[in-house]
Amino acid sequence: MSIYNEITLIIVSYKSENLIQKNIDIIKKFQTIIVENSSSNKIDNLVNGCTNIKLLKPKKNLGYGWANNLAVS
């Protein structure tokens, strides 16, 4: 059993495309949920084709706590 299958990452982002891009090779190994709190579409291109990454884009900035709750629900 691989550790990558046992852990789900939750990333709450606000225009963090550069940081995610620097770490995408590691992030895409895990089941990952990214909540993008900004209206930026740049992150869409980064995660396009990454089957382990689920991108959630709420209509408004939910803040850190609510964004985590959204990812868990």
C-alpha atoms as a PDB file:
ATOM      1  CA  MET A   1       0.000   0.000   0.000  1.00  0.00           C
ATOM      2  CA  SER A   2       1.315   3.425  -0.945  1.00  0.00           C
ATOM      3  CA  ILE A   3       1.245   6.426   1.358  1.00  0.00           C
ATOM      4  CA  TYR A   4       0.000   8.481  -1.601  1.00  0.00           C
ATOM      5  CA  ASN A   5      -3.314   6.606  -1.512  1.00  0.00           C
ATOM      6  CA  GLU A   6      -3.812   7.066   2.220  1.00  0.00           C
ATOM      7  CA  ILE A   7      -3.466  10.852   2.442  1.00  0.00           C
ATOM      8  CA  THR A   8      -5.650  13.557   0.948  1.00  0.00           C
ATOM      9  CA  LEU A   9      -4.195  17.052   0.779  1.00  0.00           C
ATOM     10  CA  ILE A  10      -6.423  20.098   1.147  1.00  0.00           C
ATOM     11  CA  ILE A  11      -4.938  23.317  -0.180  1.00  0.00           C
ATOM     12  CA  VAL A  12      -6.719  26.618   0.352  1.00  0.00           C
ATOM     13  CA  SER A  13      -5.355  29.031  -2.215  1.00  0.00           C
ATOM     14  CA  TYR A  14      -5.682  32.719  -2.969  1.00  0.00           C
ATOM     15  CA  LYS A  15      -3.693  33.513  -6.101  1.00  0.00           C
ATOM     16  CA  SER A  16      -1.055  30.929  -5.137  1.00  0.00           C
ATOM     17  CA  GLU A  17      -0.427  29.649  -8.647  1.00  0.00           C
ATOM     18  CA  ASN A  18       3.347  30.159  -8.416  1.00  0.00           C
ATOM     19  CA  LEU A  19       3.663  28.163  -5.197  1.00  0.00           C
ATOM     20  CA  ILE A  20       1.455  25.373  -6.508  1.00  0.00           C
ATOM     21  CA  GLN A  21       3.384  25.292  -9.799  1.00  0.00           C
ATOM     22  CA  LYS A  22       6.683  24.873  -7.916  1.00  0.00           C
ATOM     23  CA  ASN A  23       5.255  21.866  -6.048  1.00  0.00           C
ATOM     24  CA  ILE A  24       2.886  20.352  -8.636  1.00  0.00           C
ATOM     25  CA  ASP A  25       5.010  17.234  -9.165  1.00  0.00           C
ATOM     26  CA  ILE A  26       4.636  16.309  -5.497  1.00  0.00           C
ATOM     27  CA  ILE A  27       1.045  17.522  -5.127  1.00  0.00           C
ATOM     28  CA  LYS A  28      -0.254  15.437  -8.027  1.00  0.00           C
ATOM     29  CA  LYS A  29       1.004  12.214  -6.417  1.00  0.00           C
ATOM     30  CA  PHE A  30      -1.611  12.606  -3.657  1.00  0.00           C
ATOM     31  CA  GLN A  31      -5.370  12.837  -3.766  1.00  0.00           C
ATOM     32  CA  THR A  32      -5.649  16.618  -3.552  1.00  0.00           C
ATOM     33  CA  ILE A  33      -8.467  19.113  -3.172  1.00  0.00           C
ATOM     34  CA  ILE A  34      -7.603  22.717  -4.001  1.00  0.00           C
ATOM     35  CA  VAL A  35     -10.020  25.487  -3.059  1.00  0.00           C
ATOM     36  CA  GLU A  36      -9.150  28.593  -5.087  1.00  0.00           C
ATOM     37  CA  ASN A  37     -10.591  31.575  -3.224  1.00  0.00           C
ATOM     38  CA  SER A  38      -9.777  34.120  -5.932  1.00  0.00           C
ATOM     39  CA  SER A  39     -11.420  34.598  -9.300  1.00  0.00           C
ATOM     40  CA  SER A  40      -8.125  33.833 -11.061  1.00  0.00           C
ATOM     41  CA  ASN A  41      -8.215  31.207 -13.792  1.00  0.00           C
ATOM     42  CA  LYS A  42      -4.444  30.647 -13.867  1.00  0.00           C
ATOM     43  CA  ILE A  43      -4.658  27.629 -11.576  1.00  0.00           C
ATOM     44  CA  ASP A  44      -6.982  25.854 -14.033  1.00  0.00           C
ATOM     45  CA  ASN A  45      -4.111  25.350 -16.483  1.00  0.00           C
ATOM     46  CA  LEU A  46      -1.834  23.992 -13.753  1.00  0.00           C
ATOM     47  CA  VAL A  47      -4.174  21.228 -12.649  1.00  0.00           C
ATOM     48  CA  ASN A  48      -5.696  20.448 -16.047  1.00  0.00           C
ATOM     49  CA  GLY A  49      -5.125  16.770 -16.737  1.00  0.00           C
ATOM     50  CA  CYS A  50      -4.150  15.920 -13.146  1.00  0.00           C
ATOM     51  CA  THR A  51      -6.659  13.215 -12.296  1.00  0.00           C
ATOM     52  CA  ASN A  52      -5.774  13.204  -8.580  1.00  0.00           C
ATOM     53  CA  ILE A  53      -6.512  16.915  -8.161  1.00  0.00           C
ATOM     54  CA  LYS A  54     -10.024  18.245  -7.617  1.00  0.00           C
ATOM     55  CA  LEU A  55     -10.315  22.016  -8.044  1.00  0.00           C
ATOM     56  CA  LEU A  56     -13.099  23.871  -6.237  1.00  0.00           C
ATOM     57  CA  LYS A  57     -13.747  27.502  -7.184  1.00  0.00           C
ATOM     58  CA  PRO A  58     -16.400  29.157  -5.002  1.00  0.00           C
ATOM     59  CA  LYS A  59     -18.039  32.312  -6.356  1.00  0.00           C
ATOM     60  CA  LYS A  60     -16.563  34.416  -3.542  1.00  0.00           C
ATOM     61  CA  ASN A  61     -13.644  34.296  -1.115  1.00  0.00           C
ATOM     62  CA  LEU A  62     -14.832  32.026   1.674  1.00  0.00           C
ATOM     63  CA  GLY A  63     -11.864  32.577   3.946  1.00  0.00           C
ATOM     64  CA  TYR A  64      -9.577  29.855   5.216  1.00  0.00           C
ATOM     65  CA  GLY A  65     -11.939  28.060   7.596  1.00  0.00           C
ATOM     66  CA  TRP A  66     -14.979  27.895   5.326  1.00  0.00           C
ATOM     67  CA  ALA A  67     -12.808  26.858   2.380  1.00  0.00           C
ATOM     68  CA  ASN A  68     -11.461  23.930   4.428  1.00  0.00           C
ATOM     69  CA  ASN A  69     -14.995  22.963   5.412  1.00  0.00           C
ATOM     70  CA  LEU A  70     -16.041  23.047   1.764  1.00  0.00           C
ATOM     71  CA  ALA A  71     -13.162  20.766   0.814  1.00  0.00           C
ATOM     72  CA  VAL A  72     -13.994  18.256   3.538  1.00  0.00           C
ATOM     73  CA  SER A  73     -17.722  18.151   2.775  1.00  0.00           C
END
